[in-house]
Amino acid sequence: MDTSAKDDRNTWAEDSPITGAIMVLIWCISFRGGLAWEATNKNLIFNLHPVLMLIGLIIIGGEAIMSYKCLPLKKPEKKLIHLVLHAIALILGIIGIYTAFKFHNESNIANLYSLHSWLGIGVISLYGIQWLYGLVVFFYPGGTTAIRSESLPWHVLFGIFVYVLAVATATLGYLEKLTFLESSGLAKYGSEAFLVNFTAIVTILYGTFVIVTILSQAPPEDEYSYSAI
């Protein structure tokens, strides 16, 4: 890969998650009225859901996946960063899902009636299982060399699957929310509708970048890096 292409890739890696976070915040604060844990307007509670899910599972989760592959650090340091970032993503994801239940319960709306909600529960459950398995086998107390060697390909494959599913679920969530808003009178070609759709596109593009990055050719192995599977 030439230097200019690599620089373009690095620029996209730095800008796209920031762009996505700004877009979802503009949507929920400027168009939807703001964010709140407790409010008379229960929609403000729901607004925390897309913000926490995008910033947590998609953005920080994506950075956690790439950190082990891309950071110019020794393996133990990369493992720790990888584990901590995934823990932050998982915590934000759990809180994000809780806010959706909180909004539904306080608004007398049924829970778990849509495909998006079913997939969301599946994603957060699989994410938690993946994190716990990684902690026990690869970090502390740590499995034997044979167990780690046999588990690593499956750990990577399962992690990719869960992340792709998370991106797909987030995209489905944008569609579901926008459909509800449009059925309630939101202009189909208005600025808010375009913002939501473009936020979904940025989410997909960033998720694609994460997957392409971790599947790309690994750098030469030295004391600061590792060879990918």
C-alpha atoms as a PDB file:
ATOM      1  CA  MET A   1       0.000   0.000   0.000  1.00  0.00           C
ATOM      2  CA  ASP A   2       1.407   3.403  -0.992  1.00  0.00           C
ATOM      3  CA  THR A   3       1.848   6.183   1.535  1.00  0.00           C
ATOM      4  CA  SER A   4      -0.975   8.372   0.206  1.00  0.00           C
ATOM      5  CA  ALA A   5      -3.494   5.518   0.386  1.00  0.00           C
ATOM      6  CA  LYS A   6      -2.385   4.707   3.899  1.00  0.00           C
ATOM      7  CA  ASP A   7      -2.708   8.363   4.906  1.00  0.00           C
ATOM      8  CA  ASP A   8      -6.217   8.491   3.428  1.00  0.00           C
ATOM      9  CA  ARG A   9      -7.159   5.374   5.373  1.00  0.00           C
ATOM     10  CA  ASN A  10      -5.780   6.822   8.602  1.00  0.00           C
ATOM     11  CA  THR A  11      -7.658  10.095   8.005  1.00  0.00           C
ATOM     12  CA  TRP A  12     -10.918   8.188   7.490  1.00  0.00           C
ATOM     13  CA  ALA A  13     -10.241   6.149  10.630  1.00  0.00           C
ATOM     14  CA  GLU A  14      -9.853   9.337  12.657  1.00  0.00           C
ATOM     15  CA  ASP A  15     -12.716  11.311  11.119  1.00  0.00           C
ATOM     16  CA  SER A  16     -15.532   8.822  10.578  1.00  0.00           C
ATOM     17  CA  PRO A  17     -16.204   7.879  14.227  1.00  0.00           C
ATOM     18  CA  ILE A  18     -16.080  11.538  15.238  1.00  0.00           C
ATOM     19  CA  THR A  19     -18.437  12.408  12.391  1.00  0.00           C
ATOM     20  CA  GLY A  20     -20.849   9.655  13.395  1.00  0.00           C
ATOM     21  CA  ALA A  21     -20.843  10.711  17.048  1.00  0.00           C
ATOM     22  CA  ILE A  22     -21.462  14.357  16.136  1.00  0.00           C
ATOM     23  CA  MET A  23     -24.297  13.430  13.771  1.00  0.00           C
ATOM     24  CA  VAL A  24     -26.141  11.283  16.312  1.00  0.00           C
ATOM     25  CA  LEU A  25     -25.722  13.995  18.965  1.00  0.00           C
ATOM     26  CA  ILE A  26     -27.063  16.675  16.612  1.00  0.00           C
ATOM     27  CA  TRP A  27     -30.027  14.444  15.812  1.00  0.00           C
ATOM     28  CA  CYS A  28     -30.894  13.654  19.431  1.00  0.00           C
ATOM     29  CA  ILE A  29     -30.183  17.105  20.871  1.00  0.00           C
ATOM     30  CA  SER A  30     -31.073  19.578  18.118  1.00  0.00           C
ATOM     31  CA  PHE A  31     -33.889  17.670  16.413  1.00  0.00           C
ATOM     32  CA  ARG A  32     -35.231  15.434  19.201  1.00  0.00           C
ATOM     33  CA  GLY A  33     -34.996  17.884  22.111  1.00  0.00           C
ATOM     34  CA  GLY A  34     -32.039  16.672  24.154  1.00  0.00           C
ATOM     35  CA  LEU A  35     -30.895  13.896  26.471  1.00  0.00           C
ATOM     36  CA  ALA A  36     -32.149  13.081  29.965  1.00  0.00           C
ATOM     37  CA  TRP A  37     -32.150  10.242  32.454  1.00  0.00           C
ATOM     38  CA  GLU A  38     -35.329  11.499  34.129  1.00  0.00           C
ATOM     39  CA  ALA A  39     -37.810  13.722  32.311  1.00  0.00           C
ATOM     40  CA  THR A  40     -41.496  14.426  31.878  1.00  0.00           C
ATOM     41  CA  ASN A  41     -40.907  14.125  28.154  1.00  0.00           C
ATOM     42  CA  LYS A  42     -39.994  10.442  27.983  1.00  0.00           C
ATOM     43  CA  ASN A  43     -38.573  10.822  24.488  1.00  0.00           C
ATOM     44  CA  LEU A  44     -35.561  12.527  26.047  1.00  0.00           C
ATOM     45  CA  ILE A  45     -34.827   9.288  27.897  1.00  0.00           C
ATOM     46  CA  PHE A  46     -35.006   7.300  24.677  1.00  0.00           C
ATOM     47  CA  ASN A  47     -32.588   9.729  23.001  1.00  0.00           C
ATOM     48  CA  LEU A  48     -29.823   8.315  25.177  1.00  0.00           C
ATOM     49  CA  HIS A  49     -30.277   4.945  23.463  1.00  0.00           C
ATOM     50  CA  PRO A  50     -28.930   5.713  19.961  1.00  0.00           C
ATOM     51  CA  VAL A  51     -26.170   7.916  21.370  1.00  0.00           C
ATOM     52  CA  LEU A  52     -24.857   5.270  23.773  1.00  0.00           C
ATOM     53  CA  MET A  53     -25.223   2.399  21.313  1.00  0.00           C
ATOM     54  CA  LEU A  54     -23.406   4.169  18.494  1.00  0.00           C
ATOM     55  CA  ILE A  55     -20.612   5.611  20.624  1.00  0.00           C
ATOM     56  CA  GLY A  56     -20.331   2.446  22.713  1.00  0.00           C
ATOM     57  CA  LEU A  57     -20.765  -0.736  20.688  1.00  0.00           C
ATOM     58  CA  ILE A  58     -20.048   0.651  17.229  1.00  0.00           C
ATOM     59  CA  ILE A  59     -17.355   3.312  17.683  1.00  0.00           C
ATOM     60  CA  ILE A  60     -15.507   2.265  20.844  1.00  0.00           C
ATOM     61  CA  GLY A  61     -16.145  -1.390  20.010  1.00  0.00           C
ATOM     62  CA  GLY A  62     -14.631  -0.836  16.580  1.00  0.00           C
ATOM     63  CA  GLU A  63     -11.616   0.938  18.045  1.00  0.00           C
ATOM     64  CA  ALA A  64     -11.178  -1.966  20.465  1.00  0.00           C
ATOM     65  CA  ILE A  65     -11.133  -4.444  17.589  1.00  0.00           C
ATOM     66  CA  MET A  66      -8.584  -2.423  15.613  1.00  0.00           C
ATOM     67  CA  SER A  67      -6.396  -1.641  18.612  1.00  0.00           C
ATOM     68  CA  TYR A  68      -4.976  -5.150  18.861  1.00  0.00           C
ATOM     69  CA  LYS A  69      -4.130  -5.171  15.171  1.00  0.00           C
ATOM     70  CA  CYS A  70      -2.899  -1.646  14.625  1.00  0.00           C
ATOM     71  CA  LEU A  71      -1.274  -0.221  17.742  1.00  0.00           C
ATOM     72  CA  PRO A  72       2.566  -0.192  17.636  1.00  0.00           C
ATOM     73  CA  LEU A  73       2.848  -1.656  21.123  1.00  0.00           C
ATOM     74  CA  LYS A  74       3.924  -4.908  22.698  1.00  0.00           C
ATOM     75  CA  LYS A  75       1.354  -7.689  22.869  1.00  0.00           C
ATOM     76  CA  PRO A  76       0.536  -7.461  26.623  1.00  0.00           C
ATOM     77  CA  GLU A  77      -0.131  -3.725  26.322  1.00  0.00           C
ATOM     78  CA  LYS A  78      -2.335  -4.209  23.269  1.00  0.00           C
ATOM     79  CA  LYS A  79      -4.262  -6.988  25.011  1.00  0.00           C
ATOM     80  CA  LEU A  80      -4.985  -4.699  27.962  1.00  0.00           C
ATOM     81  CA  ILE A  81      -6.137  -1.814  25.762  1.00  0.00           C
ATOM     82  CA  HIS A  82      -8.245  -4.225  23.697  1.00  0.00           C
ATOM     83  CA  LEU A  83      -9.891  -5.607  26.845  1.00  0.00           C
ATOM     84  CA  VAL A  84     -10.533  -2.211  28.475  1.00  0.00           C
ATOM     85  CA  LEU A  85     -12.011  -0.629  25.350  1.00  0.00           C
ATOM     86  CA  HIS A  86     -14.336  -3.594  24.883  1.00  0.00           C
ATOM     87  CA  ALA A  87     -15.364  -3.313  28.549  1.00  0.00           C
ATOM     88  CA  ILE A  88     -16.247   0.364  28.075  1.00  0.00           C
ATOM     89  CA  ALA A  89     -18.193  -0.477  24.914  1.00  0.00           C
ATOM     90  CA  LEU A  90     -20.064  -3.248  26.713  1.00  0.00           C
ATOM     91  CA  ILE A  91     -20.964  -1.035  29.681  1.00  0.00           C
ATOM     92  CA  LEU A  92     -22.229   1.764  27.432  1.00  0.00           C
ATOM     93  CA  GLY A  93     -24.186  -0.791  25.411  1.00  0.00           C
ATOM     94  CA  ILE A  94     -25.848  -2.214  28.511  1.00  0.00           C
ATOM     95  CA  ILE A  95     -26.801   1.282  29.701  1.00  0.00           C
ATOM     96  CA  GLY A  96     -28.049   2.110  26.205  1.00  0.00           C
ATOM     97  CA  ILE A  97     -30.326  -0.921  26.132  1.00  0.00           C
ATOM     98  CA  TYR A  98     -31.536  -0.137  29.651  1.00  0.00           C
ATOM     99  CA  THR A  99     -32.593   3.359  28.534  1.00  0.00           C
ATOM    100  CA  ALA A 100     -34.756   1.822  25.791  1.00  0.00           C
ATOM    101  CA  PHE A 101     -36.495  -0.404  28.369  1.00  0.00           C
ATOM    102  CA  LYS A 102     -36.808   2.558  30.737  1.00  0.00           C
ATOM    103  CA  PHE A 103     -38.427   4.654  28.013  1.00  0.00           C
ATOM    104  CA  HIS A 104     -40.859   1.881  27.098  1.00  0.00           C
ATOM    105  CA  ASN A 105     -41.794   1.112  30.698  1.00  0.00           C
ATOM    106  CA  GLU A 106     -42.373   4.747  31.647  1.00  0.00           C
ATOM    107  CA  SER A 107     -44.340   5.353  28.432  1.00  0.00           C
ATOM    108  CA  ASN A 108     -46.453   2.191  28.754  1.00  0.00           C
ATOM    109  CA  ILE A 109     -45.034   0.762  25.533  1.00  0.00           C
ATOM    110  CA  ALA A 110     -44.490  -2.966  25.081  1.00  0.00           C
ATOM    111  CA  ASN A 111     -40.917  -4.263  25.144  1.00  0.00           C
ATOM    112  CA  LEU A 112     -39.194  -6.606  22.707  1.00  0.00           C
ATOM    113  CA  TYR A 113     -41.811  -6.539  19.963  1.00  0.00           C
ATOM    114  CA  SER A 114     -39.506  -5.698  17.023  1.00  0.00           C
ATOM    115  CA  LEU A 115     -36.699  -7.444  15.163  1.00  0.00           C
ATOM    116  CA  HIS A 116     -34.371  -4.607  16.152  1.00  0.00           C
ATOM    117  CA  SER A 117     -35.005  -5.222  19.851  1.00  0.00           C
ATOM    118  CA  TRP A 118     -34.562  -8.998  19.502  1.00  0.00           C
ATOM    119  CA  LEU A 119     -31.273  -8.553  17.676  1.00  0.00           C
ATOM    120  CA  GLY A 120     -30.169  -5.931  20.198  1.00  0.00           C
ATOM    121  CA  ILE A 121     -30.606  -8.336  23.102  1.00  0.00           C
ATOM    122  CA  GLY A 122     -28.760 -10.987  21.128  1.00  0.00           C
ATOM    123  CA  VAL A 123     -25.873  -8.643  20.313  1.00  0.00           C
ATOM    124  CA  ILE A 124     -25.347  -7.430  23.875  1.00  0.00           C
ATOM    125  CA  SER A 125     -25.532 -11.008  25.200  1.00  0.00           C
ATOM    126  CA  LEU A 126     -23.018 -12.309  22.649  1.00  0.00           C
ATOM    127  CA  TYR A 127     -20.785  -9.284  23.244  1.00  0.00           C
ATOM    128  CA  GLY A 128     -20.736 -10.015  26.962  1.00  0.00           C
ATOM    129  CA  ILE A 129     -19.971 -13.708  26.401  1.00  0.00           C
ATOM    130  CA  GLN A 130     -17.171 -12.804  23.999  1.00  0.00           C
ATOM    131  CA  TRP A 131     -15.652 -10.352  26.477  1.00  0.00           C
ATOM    132  CA  LEU A 132     -15.803 -12.787  29.406  1.00  0.00           C
ATOM    133  CA  TYR A 133     -14.262 -15.563  27.318  1.00  0.00           C
ATOM    134  CA  GLY A 134     -11.459 -13.263  26.187  1.00  0.00           C
ATOM    135  CA  LEU A 135     -10.816 -12.188  29.783  1.00  0.00           C
ATOM    136  CA  VAL A 136     -10.614 -15.721  31.144  1.00  0.00           C
ATOM    137  CA  VAL A 137      -8.718 -17.386  28.288  1.00  0.00           C
ATOM    138  CA  PHE A 138      -6.396 -14.654  27.010  1.00  0.00           C
ATOM    139  CA  PHE A 139      -5.928 -12.321  29.971  1.00  0.00           C
ATOM    140  CA  TYR A 140      -6.691 -13.607  33.486  1.00  0.00           C
ATOM    141  CA  PRO A 141      -6.251 -16.249  34.695  1.00  0.00           C
ATOM    142  CA  GLY A 142      -5.409 -17.266  31.139  1.00  0.00           C
ATOM    143  CA  GLY A 143      -5.633 -20.628  29.437  1.00  0.00           C
ATOM    144  CA  THR A 144      -2.810 -22.924  28.467  1.00  0.00           C
ATOM    145  CA  THR A 145      -0.827 -22.220  25.306  1.00  0.00           C
ATOM    146  CA  ALA A 146      -2.734 -24.951  23.491  1.00  0.00           C
ATOM    147  CA  ILE A 147      -6.128 -23.590  24.539  1.00  0.00           C
ATOM    148  CA  ARG A 148      -5.201 -20.053  23.538  1.00  0.00           C
ATOM    149  CA  SER A 149      -3.850 -21.239  20.199  1.00  0.00           C
ATOM    150  CA  GLU A 150      -6.974 -23.241  19.409  1.00  0.00           C
ATOM    151  CA  SER A 151      -9.335 -20.555  20.690  1.00  0.00           C
ATOM    152  CA  LEU A 152      -7.821 -17.555  18.931  1.00  0.00           C
ATOM    153  CA  PRO A 153      -9.202 -18.166  15.412  1.00  0.00           C
ATOM    154  CA  TRP A 154     -12.679 -18.749  16.817  1.00  0.00           C
ATOM    155  CA  HIS A 155     -12.400 -15.741  19.122  1.00  0.00           C
ATOM    156  CA  VAL A 156     -11.517 -13.530  16.158  1.00  0.00           C
ATOM    157  CA  LEU A 157     -14.220 -15.002  13.922  1.00  0.00           C
ATOM    158  CA  PHE A 158     -16.883 -14.737  16.610  1.00  0.00           C
ATOM    159  CA  GLY A 159     -15.834 -11.160  17.382  1.00  0.00           C
ATOM    160  CA  ILE A 160     -16.187 -10.184  13.724  1.00  0.00           C
ATOM    161  CA  PHE A 161     -19.622 -11.814  13.594  1.00  0.00           C
ATOM    162  CA  VAL A 162     -20.843  -9.984  16.704  1.00  0.00           C
ATOM    163  CA  TYR A 163     -19.533  -6.634  15.446  1.00  0.00           C
ATOM    164  CA  VAL A 164     -21.128  -7.044  12.001  1.00  0.00           C
ATOM    165  CA  LEU A 165     -24.382  -8.001  13.730  1.00  0.00           C
ATOM    166  CA  ALA A 166     -24.095  -4.896  15.943  1.00  0.00           C
ATOM    167  CA  VAL A 167     -23.690  -2.631  12.895  1.00  0.00           C
ATOM    168  CA  ALA A 168     -26.635  -4.315  11.168  1.00  0.00           C
ATOM    169  CA  THR A 169     -28.780  -3.950  14.299  1.00  0.00           C
ATOM    170  CA  ALA A 170     -27.883  -0.272  14.631  1.00  0.00           C
ATOM    171  CA  THR A 171     -28.815   0.316  10.991  1.00  0.00           C
ATOM    172  CA  LEU A 172     -32.121  -1.455  11.549  1.00  0.00           C
ATOM    173  CA  GLY A 173     -32.691   0.772  14.574  1.00  0.00           C
ATOM    174  CA  TYR A 174     -32.248   3.945  12.521  1.00  0.00           C
ATOM    175  CA  LEU A 175     -34.750   2.600   9.989  1.00  0.00           C
ATOM    176  CA  GLU A 176     -37.258   1.651  12.672  1.00  0.00           C
ATOM    177  CA  LYS A 177     -37.098   4.994  14.468  1.00  0.00           C
ATOM    178  CA  LEU A 178     -37.270   6.990  11.244  1.00  0.00           C
ATOM    179  CA  THR A 179     -40.273   4.943  10.097  1.00  0.00           C
ATOM    180  CA  PHE A 180     -42.067   5.713  13.376  1.00  0.00           C
ATOM    181  CA  LEU A 181     -41.252   9.416  13.056  1.00  0.00           C
ATOM    182  CA  GLU A 182     -42.399   9.612   9.438  1.00  0.00           C
ATOM    183  CA  SER A 183     -45.647   7.827  10.270  1.00  0.00           C
ATOM    184  CA  SER A 184     -46.181  10.515  12.928  1.00  0.00           C
ATOM    185  CA  GLY A 185     -45.776  13.335  10.432  1.00  0.00           C
ATOM    186  CA  LEU A 186     -42.042  13.853   9.981  1.00  0.00           C
ATOM    187  CA  ALA A 187     -41.243  15.063   6.464  1.00  0.00           C
ATOM    188  CA  LYS A 188     -39.829  12.192   4.420  1.00  0.00           C
ATOM    189  CA  TYR A 189     -37.452  14.521   2.585  1.00  0.00           C
ATOM    190  CA  GLY A 190     -36.790  16.862   5.483  1.00  0.00           C
ATOM    191  CA  SER A 191     -33.431  17.659   7.044  1.00  0.00           C
ATOM    192  CA  GLU A 192     -33.955  15.322  10.000  1.00  0.00           C
ATOM    193  CA  ALA A 193     -34.760  12.366   7.749  1.00  0.00           C
ATOM    194  CA  PHE A 194     -31.646  13.014   5.693  1.00  0.00           C
ATOM    195  CA  LEU A 195     -29.536  13.354   8.853  1.00  0.00           C
ATOM    196  CA  VAL A 196     -30.736   9.997  10.199  1.00  0.00           C
ATOM    197  CA  ASN A 197     -30.114   8.260   6.878  1.00  0.00           C
ATOM    198  CA  PHE A 198     -26.635   9.725   6.529  1.00  0.00           C
ATOM    199  CA  THR A 199     -25.842   8.758  10.128  1.00  0.00           C
ATOM    200  CA  ALA A 200     -26.777   5.196   9.236  1.00  0.00           C
ATOM    201  CA  ILE A 201     -24.540   5.353   6.150  1.00  0.00           C
ATOM    202  CA  VAL A 202     -21.593   6.633   8.206  1.00  0.00           C
ATOM    203  CA  THR A 203     -22.210   3.805  10.690  1.00  0.00           C
ATOM    204  CA  ILE A 204     -22.083   1.222   7.908  1.00  0.00           C
ATOM    205  CA  LEU A 205     -18.979   2.762   6.332  1.00  0.00           C
ATOM    206  CA  TYR A 206     -17.151   2.859   9.650  1.00  0.00           C
ATOM    207  CA  GLY A 207     -18.122  -0.732  10.399  1.00  0.00           C
ATOM    208  CA  THR A 208     -16.855  -1.745   6.957  1.00  0.00           C
ATOM    209  CA  PHE A 209     -13.590   0.079   7.590  1.00  0.00           C
ATOM    210  CA  VAL A 210     -13.117  -1.784  10.874  1.00  0.00           C
ATOM    211  CA  ILE A 211     -13.642  -5.176   9.223  1.00  0.00           C
ATOM    212  CA  VAL A 212     -11.403  -4.354   6.247  1.00  0.00           C
ATOM    213  CA  THR A 213      -8.675  -3.129   8.597  1.00  0.00           C
ATOM    214  CA  ILE A 214      -8.551  -6.266  10.712  1.00  0.00           C
ATOM    215  CA  LEU A 215      -8.689  -8.534   7.661  1.00  0.00           C
ATOM    216  CA  SER A 216      -5.973  -6.674   5.781  1.00  0.00           C
ATOM    217  CA  GLN A 217      -2.417  -7.939   5.561  1.00  0.00           C
ATOM    218  CA  ALA A 218      -0.590  -7.773   8.864  1.00  0.00           C
ATOM    219  CA  PRO A 219       2.600  -5.721   9.226  1.00  0.00           C
ATOM    220  CA  PRO A 220       5.938  -7.580   9.510  1.00  0.00           C
ATOM    221  CA  GLU A 221       6.263  -9.202  12.901  1.00  0.00           C
ATOM    222  CA  ASP A 222       8.693  -7.702  15.385  1.00  0.00           C
ATOM    223  CA  GLU A 223       8.820  -7.239  19.128  1.00  0.00           C
ATOM    224  CA  TYR A 224       6.095  -4.608  18.996  1.00  0.00           C
ATOM    225  CA  SER A 225       3.558  -6.375  16.797  1.00  0.00           C
ATOM    226  CA  TYR A 226       2.002  -9.718  16.064  1.00  0.00           C
ATOM    227  CA  SER A 227       0.998 -11.707  13.042  1.00  0.00           C
ATOM    228  CA  ALA A 228      -2.717 -11.844  12.350  1.00  0.00           C
ATOM    229  CA  ILE A 229      -4.419 -15.140  11.688  1.00  0.00           C
END
